Amino acid sequence: MVLVDVRANAFPVERLRGAAHWDELRDRARLLPWNPEIPPSASAHARYFGAVAEVLGA
């Protein structure tokens, strides 16, 4: 699993396409959108941890 920073000021992940190491990583790992700032509510925490659990369980 690779956490991909999706904040507005994050480096756009689509610009990494074509970079050999990134393409290899994408082929071998599941990507999960991630905002490293603290979720603002209990339901936001639950959605985040649910998404992580889904990726890890796959």
Protein backbone atom coordinates (compact mmCIF):
# COMPACT_ATOMS: atom_id res chain seq x y z
CA MET A 1 0.00 0.00 0.00
CA VAL A 2 1.24 3.46 -0.93
CA LEU A 3 -0.39 6.51 0.60
CA VAL A 4 -0.71 9.25 -2.03
CA ASP A 5 -0.94 12.81 -0.69
CA VAL A 6 -4.06 14.38 -2.23
CA ARG A 7 -3.85 17.84 -0.70
CA ALA A 8 -4.10 20.76 -3.12
CA ASN A 9 -0.42 21.64 -2.69
CA ALA A 10 0.86 18.06 -3.11
CA PHE A 11 2.93 17.04 -6.12
CA PRO A 12 0.47 15.76 -8.77
CA VAL A 13 0.89 11.99 -8.86
CA GLU A 14 -0.17 11.84 -12.52
CA ARG A 15 3.06 13.70 -13.38
CA LEU A 16 5.00 10.66 -12.18
CA ARG A 17 3.59 8.43 -14.92
CA GLY A 18 6.35 7.31 -17.23
CA ALA A 19 9.00 7.37 -14.49
CA ALA A 20 10.31 3.81 -14.41
CA HIS A 21 10.46 3.44 -10.61
CA TRP A 22 6.99 4.91 -10.14
CA ASP A 23 5.45 2.73 -12.86
CA GLU A 24 7.01 -0.35 -11.26
CA LEU A 25 5.67 0.66 -7.85
CA ARG A 26 2.18 1.27 -9.25
CA ASP A 27 2.22 -2.21 -10.79
CA ARG A 28 3.10 -3.83 -7.46
CA ALA A 29 1.23 -1.77 -4.86
CA ARG A 30 -2.25 -0.49 -4.13
CA LEU A 31 -2.51 3.30 -4.06
CA LEU A 32 -4.67 4.94 -1.42
CA PRO A 33 -5.56 8.65 -1.50
CA TRP A 34 -4.33 10.23 1.73
CA ASN A 35 -4.59 13.58 3.42
CA PRO A 36 -1.98 13.63 6.22
CA GLU A 37 -3.88 16.28 8.14
CA ILE A 38 -5.99 15.03 11.03
CA PRO A 39 -9.53 14.10 9.94
CA PRO A 40 -12.03 16.58 11.40
CA SER A 41 -14.52 14.06 12.79
CA ALA A 42 -15.09 10.54 14.03
CA SER A 43 -16.88 9.62 10.79
CA ALA A 44 -13.92 10.92 8.74
CA HIS A 45 -11.59 8.75 10.84
CA ALA A 46 -13.88 5.77 10.25
CA ARG A 47 -13.91 6.32 6.46
CA TYR A 48 -10.12 6.60 6.37
CA PHE A 49 -9.49 3.50 8.47
CA GLY A 50 -12.14 1.62 6.48
CA ALA A 51 -10.32 2.49 3.25
CA VAL A 52 -6.99 1.36 4.74
CA ALA A 53 -8.53 -1.91 5.94
CA GLU A 54 -10.05 -2.53 2.51
CA VAL A 55 -6.68 -2.07 0.79
CA LEU A 56 -4.84 -4.25 3.30
CA GLY A 57 -7.49 -6.95 3.11
CA ALA A 58 -7.37 -7.14 -0.69
